[in-house]
Amino acid sequence: MGPMIRTQISLESEQMARARREADRRGMSLAALIRKALDEFLDDEGRRARRRRAIAAVGGFRSGTADTSVEHDEALAEDAAW
């Protein structure tokens, strides 16, 4: 973990109460809980972006054969033989 940068956020009273309860339940500081939640959110956003890119690529390539989806094991075995 790098150097900490102090910041300020505004929370609704219910958000603050829930966050404090969760931090207490986990035995961690409120700041640590918020850092962890932010890391998890940002990691999840990255996974979702990669998934969107992968789905967008589906069907975007041609193998030159009509049966690749059925005969994929054979195609992969041929590649491995190279």
PDB file of N, CA and C in Angstrom:
ATOM      1  N   MET A   1       0.855  -1.181   0.000  1.00  0.00           N
ATOM      2  CA  MET A   1       0.000   0.000   0.000  1.00  0.00           C
ATOM      3  C   MET A   1       0.893   1.234   0.000  1.00  0.00           C
ATOM      4  N   GLY A   2       0.539   2.191  -0.816  1.00  0.00           N
ATOM      5  CA  GLY A   2       1.316   3.415  -0.921  1.00  0.00           C
ATOM      6  C   GLY A   2       0.977   4.398   0.188  1.00  0.00           C
ATOM      7  N   PRO A   3       1.516   5.601   0.086  1.00  0.00           N
ATOM      8  CA  PRO A   3       1.217   6.622   1.093  1.00  0.00           C
ATOM      9  C   PRO A   3      -0.262   6.990   1.072  1.00  0.00           C
ATOM     10  N   MET A   4      -0.781   7.275   2.227  1.00  0.00           N
ATOM     11  CA  MET A   4      -2.202   7.632   2.348  1.00  0.00           C
ATOM     12  C   MET A   4      -2.399   9.108   1.998  1.00  0.00           C
ATOM     13  N   ILE A   5      -3.485   9.371   1.323  1.00  0.00           N
ATOM     14  CA  ILE A   5      -3.885  10.742   1.013  1.00  0.00           C
ATOM     15  C   ILE A   5      -5.190  10.989   1.746  1.00  0.00           C
ATOM     16  N   ARG A   6      -5.191  11.994   2.572  1.00  0.00           N
ATOM     17  CA  ARG A   6      -6.378  12.299   3.360  1.00  0.00           C
ATOM     18  C   ARG A   6      -7.433  12.938   2.470  1.00  0.00           C
ATOM     19  N   THR A   7      -8.676  12.499   2.621  1.00  0.00           N
ATOM     20  CA  THR A   7      -9.772  13.045   1.832  1.00  0.00           C
ATOM     21  C   THR A   7     -11.026  13.123   2.699  1.00  0.00           C
ATOM     22  N   GLN A   8     -12.018  13.753   2.187  1.00  0.00           N
ATOM     23  CA  GLN A   8     -13.272  13.890   2.927  1.00  0.00           C
ATOM     24  C   GLN A   8     -14.420  13.508   1.995  1.00  0.00           C
ATOM     25  N   ILE A   9     -15.370  12.745   2.523  1.00  0.00           N
ATOM     26  CA  ILE A   9     -16.550  12.372   1.751  1.00  0.00           C
ATOM     27  C   ILE A   9     -17.795  12.705   2.559  1.00  0.00           C
ATOM     28  N   SER A  10     -18.886  12.852   1.876  1.00  0.00           N
ATOM     29  CA  SER A  10     -20.171  13.110   2.545  1.00  0.00           C
ATOM     30  C   SER A  10     -21.024  11.863   2.414  1.00  0.00           C
ATOM     31  N   LEU A  11     -21.546  11.385   3.527  1.00  0.00           N
ATOM     32  CA  LEU A  11     -22.411  10.218   3.560  1.00  0.00           C
ATOM     33  C   LEU A  11     -23.748  10.598   4.163  1.00  0.00           C
ATOM     34  N   GLU A  12     -24.776   9.881   3.749  1.00  0.00           N
ATOM     35  CA  GLU A  12     -26.060  10.037   4.414  1.00  0.00           C
ATOM     36  C   GLU A  12     -25.938   9.396   5.793  1.00  0.00           C
ATOM     37  N   SER A  13     -26.766   9.826   6.736  1.00  0.00           N
ATOM     38  CA  SER A  13     -26.640   9.327   8.109  1.00  0.00           C
ATOM     39  C   SER A  13     -26.809   7.807   8.174  1.00  0.00           C
ATOM     40  N   GLU A  14     -27.704   7.254   7.368  1.00  0.00           N
ATOM     41  CA  GLU A  14     -27.901   5.806   7.360  1.00  0.00           C
ATOM     42  C   GLU A  14     -26.685   5.081   6.790  1.00  0.00           C
ATOM     43  N   GLN A  15     -26.063   5.652   5.764  1.00  0.00           N
ATOM     44  CA  GLN A  15     -24.838   5.052   5.223  1.00  0.00           C
ATOM     45  C   GLN A  15     -23.742   5.026   6.277  1.00  0.00           C
ATOM     46  N   MET A  16     -23.598   6.127   6.996  1.00  0.00           N
ATOM     47  CA  MET A  16     -22.568   6.206   8.038  1.00  0.00           C
ATOM     48  C   MET A  16     -22.840   5.186   9.133  1.00  0.00           C
ATOM     49  N   ALA A  17     -24.078   5.082   9.560  1.00  0.00           N
ATOM     50  CA  ALA A  17     -24.425   4.133  10.623  1.00  0.00           C
ATOM     51  C   ALA A  17     -24.148   2.705  10.175  1.00  0.00           C
ATOM     52  N   ARG A  18     -24.544   2.371   8.963  1.00  0.00           N
ATOM     53  CA  ARG A  18     -24.313   1.011   8.451  1.00  0.00           C
ATOM     54  C   ARG A  18     -22.824   0.733   8.293  1.00  0.00           C
ATOM     55  N   ALA A  19     -22.082   1.719   7.797  1.00  0.00           N
ATOM     56  CA  ALA A  19     -20.643   1.536   7.616  1.00  0.00           C
ATOM     57  C   ALA A  19     -19.950   1.348   8.961  1.00  0.00           C
ATOM     58  N   ARG A  20     -20.324   2.133   9.947  1.00  0.00           N
ATOM     59  CA  ARG A  20     -19.719   1.977  11.286  1.00  0.00           C
ATOM     60  C   ARG A  20     -20.026   0.612  11.878  1.00  0.00           C
ATOM     61  N   ARG A  21     -21.287   0.163  11.728  1.00  0.00           N
ATOM     62  CA  ARG A  21     -21.651  -1.171  12.241  1.00  0.00           C
ATOM     63  C   ARG A  21     -20.839  -2.266  11.553  1.00  0.00           C
ATOM     64  N   GLU A  22     -20.688  -2.130  10.241  1.00  0.00           N
ATOM     65  CA  GLU A  22     -19.928  -3.146   9.496  1.00  0.00           C
ATOM     66  C   GLU A  22     -18.451  -3.119   9.877  1.00  0.00           C
ATOM     67  N   ALA A  23     -17.897  -1.943  10.039  1.00  0.00           N
ATOM     68  CA  ALA A  23     -16.500  -1.838  10.462  1.00  0.00           C
ATOM     69  C   ALA A  23     -16.320  -2.467  11.843  1.00  0.00           C
ATOM     70  N   ASP A  24     -17.233  -2.174  12.758  1.00  0.00           N
ATOM     71  CA  ASP A  24     -17.171  -2.777  14.096  1.00  0.00           C
ATOM     72  C   ASP A  24     -17.285  -4.292  14.018  1.00  0.00           C
ATOM     73  N   ARG A  25     -18.214  -4.761  13.189  1.00  0.00           N
ATOM     74  CA  ARG A  25     -18.417  -6.204  13.056  1.00  0.00           C
ATOM     75  C   ARG A  25     -17.161  -6.897  12.544  1.00  0.00           C
ATOM     76  N   ARG A  26     -16.459  -6.229  11.642  1.00  0.00           N
ATOM     77  CA  ARG A  26     -15.238  -6.800  11.063  1.00  0.00           C
ATOM     78  C   ARG A  26     -13.993  -6.510  11.892  1.00  0.00           C
ATOM     79  N   GLY A  27     -14.143  -5.669  12.893  1.00  0.00           N
ATOM     80  CA  GLY A  27     -12.988  -5.323  13.729  1.00  0.00           C
ATOM     81  C   GLY A  27     -11.972  -4.470  12.992  1.00  0.00           C
ATOM     82  N   MET A  28     -12.461  -3.558  12.179  1.00  0.00           N
ATOM     83  CA  MET A  28     -11.560  -2.691  11.428  1.00  0.00           C
ATOM     84  C   MET A  28     -12.033  -1.245  11.534  1.00  0.00           C
ATOM     85  N   SER A  29     -11.163  -0.348  11.157  1.00  0.00           N
ATOM     86  CA  SER A  29     -11.534   1.066  11.206  1.00  0.00           C
ATOM     87  C   SER A  29     -12.496   1.384  10.061  1.00  0.00           C
ATOM     88  N   LEU A  30     -13.211   2.477  10.214  1.00  0.00           N
ATOM     89  CA  LEU A  30     -14.118   2.939   9.168  1.00  0.00           C
ATOM     90  C   LEU A  30     -13.323   3.245   7.900  1.00  0.00           C
ATOM     91  N   ALA A  31     -12.172   3.869   8.038  1.00  0.00           N
ATOM     92  CA  ALA A  31     -11.334   4.193   6.878  1.00  0.00           C
ATOM     93  C   ALA A  31     -10.897   2.928   6.148  1.00  0.00           C
ATOM     94  N   ALA A  32     -10.498   1.905   6.903  1.00  0.00           N
ATOM     95  CA  ALA A  32     -10.071   0.644   6.284  1.00  0.00           C
ATOM     96  C   ALA A  32     -11.235  -0.011   5.545  1.00  0.00           C
ATOM     97  N   LEU A  33     -12.415   0.029   6.131  1.00  0.00           N
ATOM     98  CA  LEU A  33     -13.599  -0.536   5.483  1.00  0.00           C
ATOM     99  C   LEU A  33     -13.887   0.175   4.163  1.00  0.00           C
ATOM    100  N   ILE A  34     -13.825   1.491   4.174  1.00  0.00           N
ATOM    101  CA  ILE A  34     -14.107   2.264   2.965  1.00  0.00           C
ATOM    102  C   ILE A  34     -13.040   2.001   1.905  1.00  0.00           C
ATOM    103  N   ARG A  35     -11.759   1.918   2.299  1.00  0.00           N
ATOM    104  CA  ARG A  35     -10.699   1.595   1.338  1.00  0.00           C
ATOM    105  C   ARG A  35     -10.933   0.224   0.716  1.00  0.00           C
ATOM    106  N   LYS A  36     -11.295  -0.756   1.553  1.00  0.00           N
ATOM    107  CA  LYS A  36     -11.551  -2.112   1.063  1.00  0.00           C
ATOM    108  C   LYS A  36     -12.738  -2.120   0.102  1.00  0.00           C
ATOM    109  N   ALA A  37     -13.812  -1.441   0.468  1.00  0.00           N
ATOM    110  CA  ALA A  37     -14.995  -1.388  -0.396  1.00  0.00           C
ATOM    111  C   ALA A  37     -14.659  -0.727  -1.731  1.00  0.00           C
ATOM    112  N   LEU A  38     -13.877   0.327  -1.702  1.00  0.00           N
ATOM    113  CA  LEU A  38     -13.493   1.020  -2.931  1.00  0.00           C
ATOM    114  C   LEU A  38     -12.625   0.126  -3.802  1.00  0.00           C
ATOM    115  N   ASP A  39     -11.653  -0.569  -3.202  1.00  0.00           N
ATOM    116  CA  ASP A  39     -10.821  -1.499  -3.967  1.00  0.00           C
ATOM    117  C   ASP A  39     -11.670  -2.576  -4.630  1.00  0.00           C
ATOM    118  N   GLU A  40     -12.607  -3.151  -3.889  1.00  0.00           N
ATOM    119  CA  GLU A  40     -13.464  -4.202  -4.441  1.00  0.00           C
ATOM    120  C   GLU A  40     -14.342  -3.657  -5.567  1.00  0.00           C
ATOM    121  N   PHE A  41     -14.866  -2.461  -5.397  1.00  0.00           N
ATOM    122  CA  PHE A  41     -15.687  -1.846  -6.442  1.00  0.00           C
ATOM    123  C   PHE A  41     -14.872  -1.617  -7.701  1.00  0.00           C
ATOM    124  N   LEU A  42     -13.677  -1.062  -7.553  1.00  0.00           N
ATOM    125  CA  LEU A  42     -12.842  -0.774  -8.718  1.00  0.00           C
ATOM    126  C   LEU A  42     -12.382  -2.055  -9.399  1.00  0.00           C
ATOM    127  N   ASP A  43     -12.045  -3.093  -8.632  1.00  0.00           N
ATOM    128  CA  ASP A  43     -11.676  -4.382  -9.220  1.00  0.00           C
ATOM    129  C   ASP A  43     -12.843  -4.961  -9.996  1.00  0.00           C
ATOM    130  N   ASP A  44     -14.040  -4.871  -9.432  1.00  0.00           N
ATOM    131  CA  ASP A  44     -15.234  -5.403 -10.089  1.00  0.00           C
ATOM    132  C   ASP A  44     -15.516  -4.644 -11.377  1.00  0.00           C
ATOM    133  N   GLU A  45     -15.310  -3.334 -11.366  1.00  0.00           N
ATOM    134  CA  GLU A  45     -15.512  -2.528 -12.578  1.00  0.00           C
ATOM    135  C   GLU A  45     -14.555  -2.991 -13.670  1.00  0.00           C
ATOM    136  N   GLY A  46     -13.320  -3.290 -13.305  1.00  0.00           N
ATOM    137  CA  GLY A  46     -12.345  -3.771 -14.280  1.00  0.00           C
ATOM    138  C   GLY A  46     -12.763  -5.109 -14.866  1.00  0.00           C
ATOM    139  N   ARG A  47     -13.273  -6.007 -14.016  1.00  0.00           N
ATOM    140  CA  ARG A  47     -13.740  -7.307 -14.506  1.00  0.00           C
ATOM    141  C   ARG A  47     -14.924  -7.140 -15.451  1.00  0.00           C
ATOM    142  N   ARG A  48     -15.844  -6.247 -15.099  1.00  0.00           N
ATOM    143  CA  ARG A  48     -17.002  -6.020 -15.962  1.00  0.00           C
ATOM    144  C   ARG A  48     -16.574  -5.440 -17.313  1.00  0.00           C
ATOM    145  N   ALA A  49     -15.606  -4.539 -17.305  1.00  0.00           N
ATOM    146  CA  ALA A  49     -15.128  -3.947 -18.560  1.00  0.00           C
ATOM    147  C   ALA A  49     -14.473  -5.015 -19.435  1.00  0.00           C
ATOM    148  N   ARG A  50     -13.661  -5.904 -18.839  1.00  0.00           N
ATOM    149  CA  ARG A  50     -13.039  -6.981 -19.603  1.00  0.00           C
ATOM    150  C   ARG A  50     -14.097  -7.922 -20.177  1.00  0.00           C
ATOM    151  N   ARG A  51     -15.123  -8.199 -19.375  1.00  0.00           N
ATOM    152  CA  ARG A  51     -16.203  -9.080 -19.850  1.00  0.00           C
ATOM    153  C   ARG A  51     -16.938  -8.447 -21.027  1.00  0.00           C
ATOM    154  N   ARG A  52     -17.225  -7.137 -20.930  1.00  0.00           N
ATOM    155  CA  ARG A  52     -17.898  -6.446 -22.036  1.00  0.00           C
ATOM    156  C   ARG A  52     -17.055  -6.516 -23.314  1.00  0.00           C
ATOM    157  N   ARG A  53     -15.731  -6.315 -23.183  1.00  0.00           N
ATOM    158  CA  ARG A  53     -14.865  -6.386 -24.357  1.00  0.00           C
ATOM    159  C   ARG A  53     -14.854  -7.793 -24.941  1.00  0.00           C
ATOM    160  N   ALA A  54     -14.827  -8.804 -24.075  1.00  0.00           N
ATOM    161  CA  ALA A  54     -14.819 -10.189 -24.557  1.00  0.00           C
ATOM    162  C   ALA A  54     -16.116 -10.522 -25.274  1.00  0.00           C
ATOM    163  N   ILE A  55     -17.235 -10.112 -24.700  1.00  0.00           N
ATOM    164  CA  ILE A  55     -18.528 -10.391 -25.335  1.00  0.00           C
ATOM    165  C   ILE A  55     -18.639  -9.658 -26.668  1.00  0.00           C
ATOM    166  N   ALA A  56     -18.116  -8.452 -26.720  1.00  0.00           N
ATOM    167  CA  ALA A  56     -18.172  -7.688 -27.972  1.00  0.00           C
ATOM    168  C   ALA A  56     -17.351  -8.369 -29.066  1.00  0.00           C
ATOM    169  N   ALA A  57     -16.322  -9.129 -28.687  1.00  0.00           N
ATOM    170  CA  ALA A  57     -15.469  -9.807 -29.675  1.00  0.00           C
ATOM    171  C   ALA A  57     -16.094 -11.091 -30.197  1.00  0.00           C
ATOM    172  N   VAL A  58     -17.081 -11.621 -29.504  1.00  0.00           N
ATOM    173  CA  VAL A  58     -17.703 -12.880 -29.928  1.00  0.00           C
ATOM    174  C   VAL A  58     -18.281 -12.722 -31.329  1.00  0.00           C
ATOM    175  N   GLY A  59     -17.933 -13.662 -32.179  1.00  0.00           N
ATOM    176  CA  GLY A  59     -18.432 -13.640 -33.551  1.00  0.00           C
ATOM    177  C   GLY A  59     -17.689 -12.684 -34.458  1.00  0.00           C
ATOM    178  N   GLY A  60     -16.685 -12.046 -33.959  1.00  0.00           N
ATOM    179  CA  GLY A  60     -15.958 -11.052 -34.742  1.00  0.00           C
ATOM    180  C   GLY A  60     -14.807 -11.616 -35.550  1.00  0.00           C
ATOM    181  N   PHE A  61     -14.602 -12.925 -35.503  1.00  0.00           N
ATOM    182  CA  PHE A  61     -13.476 -13.535 -36.197  1.00  0.00           C
ATOM    183  C   PHE A  61     -13.965 -14.711 -37.033  1.00  0.00           C
ATOM    184  N   ARG A  62     -13.244 -15.036 -38.061  1.00  0.00           N
ATOM    185  CA  ARG A  62     -13.593 -16.147 -38.950  1.00  0.00           C
ATOM    186  C   ARG A  62     -12.458 -17.167 -38.929  1.00  0.00           C
ATOM    187  N   SER A  63     -12.816 -18.427 -38.785  1.00  0.00           N
ATOM    188  CA  SER A  63     -11.816 -19.500 -38.777  1.00  0.00           C
ATOM    189  C   SER A  63     -11.574 -20.051 -40.173  1.00  0.00           C
ATOM    190  N   GLY A  64     -12.487 -19.780 -41.082  1.00  0.00           N
ATOM    191  CA  GLY A  64     -12.376 -20.333 -42.417  1.00  0.00           C
ATOM    192  C   GLY A  64     -13.100 -21.655 -42.564  1.00  0.00           C
ATOM    193  N   THR A  65     -13.638 -22.162 -41.475  1.00  0.00           N
ATOM    194  CA  THR A  65     -14.429 -23.397 -41.544  1.00  0.00           C
ATOM    195  C   THR A  65     -15.784 -23.149 -40.928  1.00  0.00           C
ATOM    196  N   ALA A  66     -16.749 -23.973 -41.312  1.00  0.00           N
ATOM    197  CA  ALA A  66     -18.114 -23.791 -40.816  1.00  0.00           C
ATOM    198  C   ALA A  66     -18.387 -24.592 -39.552  1.00  0.00           C
ATOM    199  N   ASP A  67     -17.483 -25.498 -39.178  1.00  0.00           N
ATOM    200  CA  ASP A  67     -17.782 -26.410 -38.069  1.00  0.00           C
ATOM    201  C   ASP A  67     -16.876 -26.221 -36.850  1.00  0.00           C
ATOM    202  N   THR A  68     -16.227 -25.087 -36.728  1.00  0.00           N
ATOM    203  CA  THR A  68     -15.294 -24.876 -35.618  1.00  0.00           C
ATOM    204  C   THR A  68     -15.972 -25.012 -34.262  1.00  0.00           C
ATOM    205  N   SER A  69     -17.205 -24.554 -34.142  1.00  0.00           N
ATOM    206  CA  SER A  69     -17.878 -24.648 -32.843  1.00  0.00           C
ATOM    207  C   SER A  69     -18.146 -26.097 -32.459  1.00  0.00           C
ATOM    208  N   VAL A  70     -18.257 -26.977 -33.444  1.00  0.00           N
ATOM    209  CA  VAL A  70     -18.496 -28.396 -33.177  1.00  0.00           C
ATOM    210  C   VAL A  70     -17.178 -29.144 -33.068  1.00  0.00           C
ATOM    211  N   GLU A  71     -16.233 -28.805 -33.922  1.00  0.00           N
ATOM    212  CA  GLU A  71     -14.964 -29.531 -34.013  1.00  0.00           C
ATOM    213  C   GLU A  71     -13.809 -28.775 -33.349  1.00  0.00           C
ATOM    214  N   HIS A  72     -14.103 -28.022 -32.298  1.00  0.00           N
ATOM    215  CA  HIS A  72     -13.078 -27.183 -31.669  1.00  0.00           C
ATOM    216  C   HIS A  72     -11.930 -27.991 -31.078  1.00  0.00           C
ATOM    217  N   ASP A  73     -12.207 -29.178 -30.541  1.00  0.00           N
ATOM    218  CA  ASP A  73     -11.122 -29.985 -29.972  1.00  0.00           C
ATOM    219  C   ASP A  73     -10.091 -30.340 -31.034  1.00  0.00           C
ATOM    220  N   GLU A  74     -10.552 -30.702 -32.216  1.00  0.00           N
ATOM    221  CA  GLU A  74      -9.632 -31.039 -33.297  1.00  0.00           C
ATOM    222  C   GLU A  74      -8.815 -29.818 -33.719  1.00  0.00           C
ATOM    223  N   ALA A  75      -9.476 -28.673 -33.805  1.00  0.00           N
ATOM    224  CA  ALA A  75      -8.765 -27.442 -34.184  1.00  0.00           C
ATOM    225  C   ALA A  75      -7.701 -27.092 -33.159  1.00  0.00           C
ATOM    226  N   LEU A  76      -8.012 -27.245 -31.892  1.00  0.00           N
ATOM    227  CA  LEU A  76      -7.032 -26.956 -30.846  1.00  0.00           C
ATOM    228  C   LEU A  76      -5.884 -27.968 -30.877  1.00  0.00           C
ATOM    229  N   ALA A  77      -6.198 -29.227 -31.144  1.00  0.00           N
ATOM    230  CA  ALA A  77      -5.152 -30.244 -31.227  1.00  0.00           C
ATOM    231  C   ALA A  77      -4.208 -29.953 -32.380  1.00  0.00           C
ATOM    232  N   GLU A  78      -4.748 -29.490 -33.491  1.00  0.00           N
ATOM    233  CA  GLU A  78      -3.907 -29.126 -34.633  1.00  0.00           C
ATOM    234  C   GLU A  78      -2.992 -27.967 -34.265  1.00  0.00           C
ATOM    235  N   ASP A  79      -3.509 -26.967 -33.540  1.00  0.00           N
ATOM    236  CA  ASP A  79      -2.682 -25.835 -33.108  1.00  0.00           C
ATOM    237  C   ASP A  79      -1.568 -26.301 -32.182  1.00  0.00           C
ATOM    238  N   ALA A  80      -1.889 -27.230 -31.284  1.00  0.00           N
ATOM    239  CA  ALA A  80      -0.894 -27.716 -30.336  1.00  0.00           C
ATOM    240  C   ALA A  80       0.221 -28.469 -31.038  1.00  0.00           C
ATOM    241  N   ALA A  81      -0.078 -29.049 -32.208  1.00  0.00           N
ATOM    242  CA  ALA A  81       0.930 -29.805 -32.946  1.00  0.00           C
ATOM    243  C   ALA A  81       1.974 -28.895 -33.574  1.00  0.00           C
ATOM    244  N   TRP A  82       1.679 -27.639 -33.724  1.00  0.00           N
ATOM    245  CA  TRP A  82       2.631 -26.705 -34.319  1.00  0.00           C
ATOM    246  C   TRP A  82       3.807 -26.625 -33.442  1.00  0.00           C
TER     247      TRP A  82
END
